[in-house]
Amino acid sequence: MKVEGIILAAGFSKRANAFKMTLNYKGKTIIENVIDGMLPYVERITVVGGYKIENLEPVIKKYEKVQLIFNEKYEEGMFSSIKKGISTVKGEGFFLTPGDYPLIEGFVYEKLLSIKGDIIIPVYNSKRGHPIFIKSSQIEKINDNKYSNLREFINDNNPSYAYVDCIGILKDVDTMEDYKEILKY
């Protein structure tokens, strides 16, 4: 199966009081950690930028199989970035994750691919996390104006679940406190 990746990196990082995608984690930026974790499991990755996209350009250009696209509607929120990202998908399915989840381990991607279903969500300690795997057959539904966010789409379309032993699927960097917490791992 030809699988692609979409990483969302267009937000304002308001609660972090810093552009969180380029914060340092283990000698690389947070988004580099997310890209490097996903890359072995996909044919290519599309990073959807918006706010401060110029800060992402030098990071992304290092990668041959990663493209950076601009969501001109990034002020409308994450769902607009998802729609922008899925417009580039050519494969049979794609992983979708925000760019501030640097602790996702490789086996999570493998587990998601091993589960049958059109929408597969990882679960740790009874909590849903990221990345999500979505078959390309669902793109038309996502673009349907019936949904205003990803949660509505998922809840309306019978997702399957992959139970994983990886707290990283829940650990994002929304605040500087979150960032300090991630640095402990």
N, C-alpha and C. Protein backbone atom coordinates (compact mmCIF):
# COMPACT_ATOMS: atom_id res chain seq x y z
N MET A 1 0.84 -1.18 0.00
CA MET A 1 0.00 0.00 0.00
C MET A 1 0.89 1.24 0.00
N LYS A 2 0.58 2.19 -0.88
CA LYS A 2 1.31 3.44 -0.93
C LYS A 2 0.74 4.39 0.13
N VAL A 3 1.57 4.73 1.11
CA VAL A 3 1.14 5.54 2.24
C VAL A 3 1.92 6.85 2.26
N GLU A 4 1.24 7.93 2.57
CA GLU A 4 1.86 9.25 2.68
C GLU A 4 1.67 9.78 4.09
N GLY A 5 2.28 10.91 4.36
CA GLY A 5 2.13 11.55 5.66
C GLY A 5 1.74 13.01 5.51
N ILE A 6 0.93 13.48 6.42
CA ILE A 6 0.59 14.91 6.50
C ILE A 6 0.91 15.36 7.91
N ILE A 7 1.73 16.39 8.00
CA ILE A 7 2.08 16.97 9.30
C ILE A 7 1.57 18.40 9.33
N LEU A 8 0.79 18.71 10.33
CA LEU A 8 0.17 20.03 10.46
C LEU A 8 1.06 20.95 11.28
N ALA A 9 1.46 22.08 10.67
CA ALA A 9 2.38 23.00 11.33
C ALA A 9 2.04 24.46 11.02
N ALA A 10 0.75 24.76 10.92
CA ALA A 10 0.32 26.08 10.49
C ALA A 10 -0.16 26.98 11.62
N GLY A 11 -0.28 26.45 12.82
CA GLY A 11 -0.91 27.19 13.92
C GLY A 11 -0.07 28.33 14.48
N PHE A 12 -0.71 29.09 15.34
CA PHE A 12 -0.09 30.29 15.91
C PHE A 12 0.83 30.02 17.09
N SER A 13 0.77 28.85 17.69
CA SER A 13 1.57 28.52 18.89
C SER A 13 1.31 29.52 20.01
N LYS A 14 0.09 30.01 20.12
CA LYS A 14 -0.25 31.06 21.11
C LYS A 14 0.08 30.67 22.54
N ARG A 15 -0.34 29.49 22.94
CA ARG A 15 -0.15 29.09 24.34
C ARG A 15 1.31 28.80 24.67
N ALA A 16 2.12 28.52 23.67
CA ALA A 16 3.53 28.22 23.92
C ALA A 16 4.38 29.48 24.03
N ASN A 17 3.87 30.61 23.54
CA ASN A 17 4.62 31.87 23.53
C ASN A 17 5.96 31.74 22.81
N ALA A 18 6.02 30.81 21.86
CA ALA A 18 7.21 30.60 21.03
C ALA A 18 6.75 29.78 19.83
N PHE A 19 7.51 29.83 18.73
CA PHE A 19 7.15 29.00 17.58
C PHE A 19 7.62 27.58 17.89
N LYS A 20 6.68 26.76 18.35
CA LYS A 20 7.02 25.46 18.94
C LYS A 20 7.62 24.47 17.95
N MET A 21 7.33 24.59 16.67
CA MET A 21 7.85 23.63 15.69
C MET A 21 9.37 23.64 15.63
N THR A 22 9.96 24.79 15.94
CA THR A 22 11.42 24.88 15.85
C THR A 22 12.12 24.87 17.21
N LEU A 23 11.37 24.56 18.27
CA LEU A 23 12.02 24.37 19.57
C LEU A 23 12.91 23.13 19.50
N ASN A 24 13.98 23.14 20.27
CA ASN A 24 14.95 22.04 20.25
C ASN A 24 14.46 20.85 21.07
N TYR A 25 14.61 19.67 20.48
CA TYR A 25 14.36 18.42 21.21
C TYR A 25 15.39 17.40 20.73
N LYS A 26 16.25 16.99 21.63
CA LYS A 26 17.29 15.99 21.33
C LYS A 26 18.16 16.39 20.15
N GLY A 27 18.56 17.65 20.10
CA GLY A 27 19.48 18.11 19.08
C GLY A 27 18.87 18.46 17.74
N LYS A 28 17.56 18.34 17.62
CA LYS A 28 16.85 18.70 16.39
C LYS A 28 15.63 19.52 16.78
N THR A 29 14.96 20.06 15.78
CA THR A 29 13.71 20.76 16.08
C THR A 29 12.61 19.73 16.36
N ILE A 30 11.56 20.19 17.00
CA ILE A 30 10.43 19.31 17.28
C ILE A 30 9.88 18.73 15.99
N ILE A 31 9.71 19.56 14.98
CA ILE A 31 9.12 19.04 13.73
C ILE A 31 10.06 18.07 13.03
N GLU A 32 11.37 18.26 13.15
CA GLU A 32 12.30 17.27 12.57
C GLU A 32 12.13 15.92 13.24
N ASN A 33 11.92 15.91 14.54
CA ASN A 33 11.68 14.65 15.25
C ASN A 33 10.42 13.97 14.74
N VAL A 34 9.38 14.75 14.47
CA VAL A 34 8.13 14.18 13.96
C VAL A 34 8.35 13.63 12.54
N ILE A 35 9.02 14.40 11.70
CA ILE A 35 9.32 13.96 10.33
C ILE A 35 10.16 12.68 10.36
N ASP A 36 11.24 12.70 11.13
CA ASP A 36 12.14 11.54 11.17
C ASP A 36 11.45 10.28 11.69
N GLY A 37 10.49 10.46 12.60
CA GLY A 37 9.75 9.31 13.11
C GLY A 37 8.80 8.72 12.08
N MET A 38 8.22 9.56 11.25
CA MET A 38 7.24 9.12 10.26
C MET A 38 7.87 8.64 8.96
N LEU A 39 8.96 9.25 8.56
CA LEU A 39 9.54 9.03 7.23
C LEU A 39 9.77 7.57 6.83
N PRO A 40 10.24 6.70 7.72
CA PRO A 40 10.46 5.30 7.30
C PRO A 40 9.18 4.55 6.90
N TYR A 41 8.03 5.10 7.19
CA TYR A 41 6.76 4.39 6.98
C TYR A 41 5.92 4.98 5.85
N VAL A 42 6.47 5.99 5.16
CA VAL A 42 5.70 6.67 4.12
C VAL A 42 6.55 6.89 2.86
N GLU A 43 5.86 7.11 1.75
CA GLU A 43 6.54 7.42 0.49
C GLU A 43 6.99 8.89 0.48
N ARG A 44 6.16 9.74 1.07
CA ARG A 44 6.49 11.17 1.15
C ARG A 44 5.65 11.81 2.24
N ILE A 45 6.08 13.01 2.64
CA ILE A 45 5.38 13.76 3.69
C ILE A 45 5.07 15.16 3.15
N THR A 46 3.88 15.63 3.45
CA THR A 46 3.52 17.02 3.19
C THR A 46 3.37 17.71 4.54
N VAL A 47 4.14 18.77 4.73
CA VAL A 47 4.02 19.60 5.92
C VAL A 47 3.18 20.81 5.52
N VAL A 48 2.10 21.04 6.26
CA VAL A 48 1.22 22.17 5.97
C VAL A 48 1.59 23.30 6.92
N GLY A 49 2.14 24.37 6.35
CA GLY A 49 2.53 25.53 7.14
C GLY A 49 1.56 26.67 6.96
N GLY A 50 1.74 27.68 7.77
CA GLY A 50 0.90 28.88 7.72
C GLY A 50 1.62 29.99 8.44
N TYR A 51 1.29 30.16 9.71
CA TYR A 51 1.93 31.17 10.54
C TYR A 51 3.42 30.88 10.63
N LYS A 52 4.23 31.89 10.36
CA LYS A 52 5.71 31.79 10.41
C LYS A 52 6.25 30.65 9.55
N ILE A 53 5.66 30.45 8.38
CA ILE A 53 6.12 29.38 7.49
C ILE A 53 7.59 29.55 7.12
N GLU A 54 8.05 30.79 7.11
CA GLU A 54 9.46 31.04 6.76
C GLU A 54 10.42 30.36 7.74
N ASN A 55 9.97 30.12 8.97
CA ASN A 55 10.81 29.41 9.95
C ASN A 55 10.91 27.92 9.64
N LEU A 56 9.94 27.39 8.91
CA LEU A 56 9.94 25.97 8.56
C LEU A 56 10.76 25.68 7.31
N GLU A 57 10.85 26.65 6.41
CA GLU A 57 11.49 26.42 5.11
C GLU A 57 12.91 25.85 5.22
N PRO A 58 13.81 26.43 6.05
CA PRO A 58 15.16 25.85 6.11
C PRO A 58 15.20 24.44 6.71
N VAL A 59 14.26 24.14 7.56
CA VAL A 59 14.19 22.80 8.16
C VAL A 59 13.72 21.78 7.13
N ILE A 60 12.67 22.10 6.41
CA ILE A 60 12.03 21.17 5.47
C ILE A 60 12.90 20.92 4.25
N LYS A 61 13.63 21.93 3.79
CA LYS A 61 14.38 21.75 2.53
C LYS A 61 15.51 20.73 2.66
N LYS A 62 15.84 20.31 3.87
CA LYS A 62 16.86 19.27 4.07
C LYS A 62 16.36 17.89 3.63
N TYR A 63 15.06 17.74 3.52
CA TYR A 63 14.46 16.43 3.26
C TYR A 63 14.02 16.29 1.81
N GLU A 64 14.50 15.24 1.17
CA GLU A 64 14.15 14.98 -0.22
C GLU A 64 12.68 14.58 -0.39
N LYS A 65 12.15 13.81 0.55
CA LYS A 65 10.79 13.27 0.41
C LYS A 65 9.75 14.06 1.22
N VAL A 66 10.08 15.31 1.54
CA VAL A 66 9.16 16.14 2.33
C VAL A 66 8.93 17.45 1.58
N GLN A 67 7.66 17.80 1.42
CA GLN A 67 7.33 19.08 0.80
C GLN A 67 6.60 19.96 1.81
N LEU A 68 6.81 21.25 1.69
CA LEU A 68 6.14 22.24 2.54
C LEU A 68 5.14 22.99 1.67
N ILE A 69 3.89 23.01 2.11
CA ILE A 69 2.88 23.78 1.38
C ILE A 69 2.28 24.82 2.33
N PHE A 70 1.77 25.89 1.75
CA PHE A 70 1.22 27.00 2.53
C PHE A 70 -0.30 26.92 2.55
N ASN A 71 -0.86 26.93 3.75
CA ASN A 71 -2.32 27.02 3.90
C ASN A 71 -2.68 28.49 4.06
N GLU A 72 -3.15 29.07 3.00
CA GLU A 72 -3.51 30.49 3.03
C GLU A 72 -4.69 30.77 3.96
N LYS A 73 -5.39 29.72 4.37
CA LYS A 73 -6.52 29.88 5.29
C LYS A 73 -6.17 29.42 6.71
N TYR A 74 -4.90 29.44 7.07
CA TYR A 74 -4.49 28.89 8.37
C TYR A 74 -5.17 29.56 9.55
N GLU A 75 -5.60 30.80 9.38
CA GLU A 75 -6.28 31.50 10.48
C GLU A 75 -7.64 30.88 10.79
N GLU A 76 -8.16 30.07 9.87
CA GLU A 76 -9.45 29.40 10.09
C GLU A 76 -9.32 28.16 10.98
N GLY A 77 -8.10 27.76 11.28
CA GLY A 77 -7.89 26.64 12.20
C GLY A 77 -7.37 25.37 11.56
N MET A 78 -7.20 24.36 12.40
CA MET A 78 -6.56 23.11 12.00
C MET A 78 -7.29 22.37 10.88
N PHE A 79 -8.61 22.40 10.88
CA PHE A 79 -9.35 21.64 9.87
C PHE A 79 -9.06 22.18 8.47
N SER A 80 -8.83 23.49 8.36
CA SER A 80 -8.47 24.05 7.05
C SER A 80 -7.11 23.52 6.60
N SER A 81 -6.20 23.31 7.54
CA SER A 81 -4.89 22.75 7.20
C SER A 81 -5.00 21.28 6.81
N ILE A 82 -5.89 20.56 7.45
CA ILE A 82 -6.12 19.15 7.08
C ILE A 82 -6.62 19.09 5.64
N LYS A 83 -7.59 19.92 5.31
CA LYS A 83 -8.14 19.93 3.95
C LYS A 83 -7.07 20.31 2.93
N LYS A 84 -6.22 21.26 3.27
CA LYS A 84 -5.12 21.65 2.38
C LYS A 84 -4.17 20.47 2.19
N GLY A 85 -3.82 19.81 3.27
CA GLY A 85 -2.89 18.69 3.20
C GLY A 85 -3.41 17.53 2.39
N ILE A 86 -4.67 17.17 2.59
CA ILE A 86 -5.21 16.01 1.87
C ILE A 86 -5.37 16.28 0.38
N SER A 87 -5.34 17.55 -0.01
CA SER A 87 -5.43 17.87 -1.45
C SER A 87 -4.19 17.40 -2.20
N THR A 88 -3.12 17.06 -1.48
CA THR A 88 -1.87 16.61 -2.11
C THR A 88 -1.73 15.09 -2.15
N VAL A 89 -2.61 14.38 -1.46
CA VAL A 89 -2.46 12.92 -1.31
C VAL A 89 -2.74 12.19 -2.62
N LYS A 90 -1.79 11.32 -2.99
CA LYS A 90 -1.94 10.50 -4.19
C LYS A 90 -1.98 9.01 -3.84
N GLY A 91 -1.56 8.68 -2.63
CA GLY A 91 -1.48 7.28 -2.21
C GLY A 91 -2.82 6.72 -1.77
N GLU A 92 -2.76 5.48 -1.25
CA GLU A 92 -3.97 4.77 -0.83
C GLU A 92 -4.40 5.14 0.59
N GLY A 93 -3.50 5.78 1.32
CA GLY A 93 -3.81 6.18 2.68
C GLY A 93 -2.76 7.15 3.19
N PHE A 94 -3.03 7.74 4.34
CA PHE A 94 -2.09 8.71 4.88
C PHE A 94 -2.16 8.75 6.40
N PHE A 95 -1.00 9.06 6.98
CA PHE A 95 -0.92 9.35 8.40
C PHE A 95 -1.14 10.85 8.55
N LEU A 96 -1.83 11.23 9.61
CA LEU A 96 -2.10 12.64 9.89
C LEU A 96 -1.73 12.91 11.33
N THR A 97 -0.88 13.91 11.54
CA THR A 97 -0.53 14.29 12.90
C THR A 97 -0.16 15.76 12.97
N PRO A 98 -0.46 16.41 14.08
CA PRO A 98 0.09 17.74 14.30
C PRO A 98 1.61 17.64 14.42
N GLY A 99 2.30 18.71 14.11
CA GLY A 99 3.76 18.70 14.11
C GLY A 99 4.41 18.82 15.47
N ASP A 100 3.62 18.81 16.53
CA ASP A 100 4.19 18.99 17.87
C ASP A 100 4.08 17.73 18.74
N TYR A 101 4.20 16.56 18.10
CA TYR A 101 4.17 15.27 18.80
C TYR A 101 5.50 14.54 18.57
N PRO A 102 6.59 14.99 19.18
CA PRO A 102 7.91 14.41 18.87
C PRO A 102 8.19 13.06 19.50
N LEU A 103 7.31 12.55 20.34
CA LEU A 103 7.58 11.30 21.06
C LEU A 103 6.92 10.06 20.44
N ILE A 104 6.31 10.20 19.27
CA ILE A 104 5.67 9.05 18.63
C ILE A 104 6.76 8.07 18.18
N GLU A 105 6.62 6.83 18.61
CA GLU A 105 7.62 5.80 18.27
C GLU A 105 7.22 5.06 16.99
N GLY A 106 8.23 4.55 16.28
CA GLY A 106 8.01 3.90 14.99
C GLY A 106 7.01 2.76 15.01
N PHE A 107 7.02 1.98 16.08
CA PHE A 107 6.10 0.83 16.12
C PHE A 107 4.64 1.26 16.07
N VAL A 108 4.35 2.51 16.44
CA VAL A 108 2.96 3.00 16.38
C VAL A 108 2.49 3.02 14.92
N TYR A 109 3.34 3.51 14.02
CA TYR A 109 2.99 3.54 12.60
C TYR A 109 2.75 2.11 12.08
N GLU A 110 3.63 1.20 12.47
CA GLU A 110 3.48 -0.20 12.05
C GLU A 110 2.17 -0.79 12.55
N LYS A 111 1.85 -0.51 13.79
CA LYS A 111 0.61 -1.04 14.39
C LYS A 111 -0.62 -0.50 13.66
N LEU A 112 -0.61 0.81 13.37
CA LEU A 112 -1.75 1.40 12.66
C LEU A 112 -1.96 0.74 11.31
N LEU A 113 -0.86 0.45 10.61
CA LEU A 113 -0.97 -0.18 9.30
C LEU A 113 -1.44 -1.63 9.37
N SER A 114 -1.31 -2.24 10.53
CA SER A 114 -1.70 -3.65 10.68
C SER A 114 -3.18 -3.84 11.00
N ILE A 115 -3.88 -2.76 11.31
CA ILE A 115 -5.29 -2.83 11.70
C ILE A 115 -6.18 -2.58 10.48
N LYS A 116 -7.25 -3.33 10.36
CA LYS A 116 -8.20 -3.13 9.25
C LYS A 116 -9.14 -1.97 9.59
N GLY A 117 -9.45 -1.20 8.56
CA GLY A 117 -10.39 -0.10 8.72
C GLY A 117 -10.01 1.08 7.86
N ASP A 118 -10.94 2.01 7.72
CA ASP A 118 -10.70 3.21 6.91
C ASP A 118 -10.09 4.34 7.73
N ILE A 119 -10.33 4.32 9.03
CA ILE A 119 -9.79 5.33 9.95
C ILE A 119 -9.26 4.56 11.16
N ILE A 120 -7.97 4.69 11.44
CA ILE A 120 -7.37 3.96 12.56
C ILE A 120 -6.75 4.98 13.51
N ILE A 121 -7.11 4.88 14.78
CA ILE A 121 -6.65 5.83 15.79
C ILE A 121 -5.87 5.07 16.86
N PRO A 122 -4.67 5.55 17.22
CA PRO A 122 -3.95 4.90 18.30
C PRO A 122 -4.55 5.27 19.66
N VAL A 123 -4.50 4.32 20.59
CA VAL A 123 -5.05 4.53 21.93
C VAL A 123 -4.00 4.10 22.95
N TYR A 124 -3.80 4.96 23.96
CA TYR A 124 -2.92 4.65 25.08
C TYR A 124 -3.67 5.01 26.36
N ASN A 125 -3.75 4.09 27.31
CA ASN A 125 -4.46 4.35 28.57
C ASN A 125 -5.88 4.87 28.35
N SER A 126 -6.58 4.27 27.41
CA SER A 126 -7.97 4.62 27.07
C SER A 126 -8.13 6.02 26.46
N LYS A 127 -7.03 6.64 26.03
CA LYS A 127 -7.11 7.97 25.42
C LYS A 127 -6.65 7.89 23.97
N ARG A 128 -7.42 8.52 23.09
CA ARG A 128 -7.07 8.57 21.67
C ARG A 128 -5.96 9.58 21.45
N GLY A 129 -5.07 9.25 20.50
CA GLY A 129 -3.94 10.13 20.23
C GLY A 129 -3.64 10.26 18.75
N HIS A 130 -2.40 10.60 18.45
CA HIS A 130 -1.90 10.78 17.08
C HIS A 130 -0.66 9.94 16.89
N PRO A 131 -0.37 9.56 15.65
CA PRO A 131 -1.00 9.93 14.38
C PRO A 131 -2.26 9.11 14.13
N ILE A 132 -3.07 9.61 13.23
CA ILE A 132 -4.25 8.89 12.78
C ILE A 132 -3.94 8.39 11.37
N PHE A 133 -4.35 7.17 11.05
CA PHE A 133 -4.23 6.68 9.68
C PHE A 133 -5.60 6.73 9.04
N ILE A 134 -5.66 7.31 7.84
CA ILE A 134 -6.92 7.45 7.12
C ILE A 134 -6.72 6.96 5.69
N LYS A 135 -7.61 6.11 5.22
CA LYS A 135 -7.56 5.67 3.82
C LYS A 135 -8.02 6.82 2.93
N SER A 136 -7.41 6.90 1.76
CA SER A 136 -7.71 7.99 0.83
C SER A 136 -9.17 7.99 0.37
N SER A 137 -9.83 6.85 0.48
CA SER A 137 -11.25 6.78 0.12
C SER A 137 -12.11 7.70 0.99
N GLN A 138 -11.55 8.18 2.10
CA GLN A 138 -12.29 9.04 3.02
C GLN A 138 -12.13 10.54 2.72
N ILE A 139 -11.24 10.88 1.78
CA ILE A 139 -10.94 12.29 1.51
C ILE A 139 -12.19 13.07 1.11
N GLU A 140 -13.00 12.48 0.25
CA GLU A 140 -14.22 13.17 -0.19
C GLU A 140 -15.12 13.50 1.00
N LYS A 141 -15.22 12.57 1.93
CA LYS A 141 -16.05 12.80 3.13
C LYS A 141 -15.47 13.93 3.99
N ILE A 142 -14.14 13.95 4.14
CA ILE A 142 -13.51 15.00 4.94
C ILE A 142 -13.82 16.36 4.33
N ASN A 143 -13.79 16.43 3.01
CA ASN A 143 -14.03 17.70 2.32
C ASN A 143 -15.50 18.10 2.28
N ASP A 144 -16.38 17.18 2.66
CA ASP A 144 -17.81 17.47 2.70
C ASP A 144 -18.04 18.59 3.72
N ASN A 145 -18.79 19.60 3.34
CA ASN A 145 -19.03 20.73 4.25
C ASN A 145 -19.88 20.34 5.46
N LYS A 146 -20.23 19.08 5.56
CA LYS A 146 -21.00 18.56 6.68
C LYS A 146 -20.21 18.64 7.99
N TYR A 147 -18.87 18.63 7.90
CA TYR A 147 -18.02 18.60 9.09
C TYR A 147 -17.28 19.91 9.28
N SER A 148 -17.18 20.34 10.54
CA SER A 148 -16.44 21.57 10.83
C SER A 148 -15.10 21.29 11.51
N ASN A 149 -14.88 20.01 11.89
CA ASN A 149 -13.58 19.66 12.48
C ASN A 149 -13.35 18.15 12.32
N LEU A 150 -12.12 17.74 12.59
CA LEU A 150 -11.74 16.34 12.41
C LEU A 150 -12.49 15.42 13.36
N ARG A 151 -12.70 15.85 14.58
CA ARG A 151 -13.40 15.01 15.56
C ARG A 151 -14.80 14.64 15.07
N GLU A 152 -15.53 15.61 14.52
CA GLU A 152 -16.86 15.32 13.97
C GLU A 152 -16.79 14.26 12.88
N PHE A 153 -15.83 14.44 11.98
CA PHE A 153 -15.66 13.47 10.89
C PHE A 153 -15.37 12.08 11.45
N ILE A 154 -14.42 11.99 12.36
CA ILE A 154 -14.04 10.69 12.93
C ILE A 154 -15.22 10.04 13.65
N ASN A 155 -15.88 10.79 14.50
CA ASN A 155 -16.98 10.23 15.29
C ASN A 155 -18.16 9.79 14.43
N ASP A 156 -18.27 10.34 13.25
CA ASP A 156 -19.37 10.02 12.34
C ASP A 156 -19.04 8.86 11.39
N ASN A 157 -17.79 8.36 11.45
CA ASN A 157 -17.35 7.39 10.44
C ASN A 157 -16.71 6.13 11.00
N ASN A 158 -17.14 5.68 12.16
CA ASN A 158 -16.75 4.38 12.72
C ASN A 158 -15.26 4.07 12.66
N PRO A 159 -14.45 4.78 13.42
CA PRO A 159 -13.01 4.49 13.41
C PRO A 159 -12.70 3.14 14.05
N SER A 160 -11.55 2.60 13.69
CA SER A 160 -11.00 1.43 14.36
C SER A 160 -9.89 1.93 15.28
N TYR A 161 -9.49 1.10 16.23
CA TYR A 161 -8.50 1.53 17.21
C TYR A 161 -7.32 0.58 17.26
N ALA A 162 -6.14 1.15 17.48
CA ALA A 162 -4.91 0.39 17.66
C ALA A 162 -4.41 0.70 19.06
N TYR A 163 -4.41 -0.29 19.92
CA TYR A 163 -3.97 -0.09 21.31
C TYR A 163 -2.46 -0.24 21.35
N VAL A 164 -1.79 0.83 21.78
CA VAL A 164 -0.32 0.87 21.77
C VAL A 164 0.22 1.27 23.14
N ASP A 165 1.40 0.78 23.44
CA ASP A 165 2.08 1.15 24.68
C ASP A 165 3.07 2.26 24.37
N CYS A 166 2.53 3.45 24.11
CA CYS A 166 3.36 4.60 23.73
C CYS A 166 2.67 5.88 24.20
N ILE A 167 3.16 6.43 25.30
CA ILE A 167 2.60 7.67 25.83
C ILE A 167 2.80 8.83 24.85
N GLY A 168 3.76 8.68 23.93
CA GLY A 168 4.05 9.73 22.96
C GLY A 168 2.90 10.10 22.06
N ILE A 169 1.92 9.20 21.91
CA ILE A 169 0.76 9.52 21.06
C ILE A 169 -0.14 10.56 21.71
N LEU A 170 0.10 10.83 23.00
CA LEU A 170 -0.71 11.81 23.74
C LEU A 170 0.06 13.08 24.07
N LYS A 171 1.38 13.07 23.89
CA LYS A 171 2.24 14.16 24.38
C LYS A 171 2.54 15.17 23.28
N ASP A 172 1.81 16.28 23.30
CA ASP A 172 2.09 17.37 22.37
C ASP A 172 2.64 18.55 23.13
N VAL A 173 3.04 19.57 22.39
CA VAL A 173 3.64 20.75 22.99
C VAL A 173 2.72 21.94 22.74
N ASP A 174 1.76 22.14 23.65
CA ASP A 174 0.87 23.29 23.53
C ASP A 174 1.37 24.48 24.35
N THR A 175 2.06 24.19 25.44
CA THR A 175 2.55 25.24 26.34
C THR A 175 4.02 24.99 26.65
N MET A 176 4.66 25.96 27.26
CA MET A 176 6.06 25.77 27.66
C MET A 176 6.16 24.71 28.76
N GLU A 177 5.12 24.55 29.55
CA GLU A 177 5.10 23.47 30.55
C GLU A 177 5.10 22.11 29.85
N ASP A 178 4.32 21.99 28.77
CA ASP A 178 4.33 20.75 27.97
C ASP A 178 5.72 20.49 27.41
N TYR A 179 6.37 21.55 26.94
CA TYR A 179 7.72 21.42 26.38
C TYR A 179 8.69 20.92 27.44
N LYS A 180 8.62 21.50 28.63
CA LYS A 180 9.49 21.06 29.73
C LYS A 180 9.22 19.60 30.08
N GLU A 181 7.97 19.19 30.02
CA GLU A 181 7.60 17.80 30.30
C GLU A 181 8.20 16.86 29.26
N ILE A 182 8.12 17.24 28.00
CA ILE A 182 8.65 16.40 26.92
C ILE A 182 10.16 16.25 27.03
N LEU A 183 10.83 17.28 27.50
CA LEU A 183 12.29 17.21 27.64
C LEU A 183 12.73 16.14 28.63
N LYS A 184 11.81 15.65 29.46
CA LYS A 184 12.14 14.59 30.43
C LYS A 184 12.25 13.22 29.76
N TYR A 185 11.75 13.09 28.53
CA TYR A 185 11.74 11.79 27.85
C TYR A 185 12.95 11.63 26.97
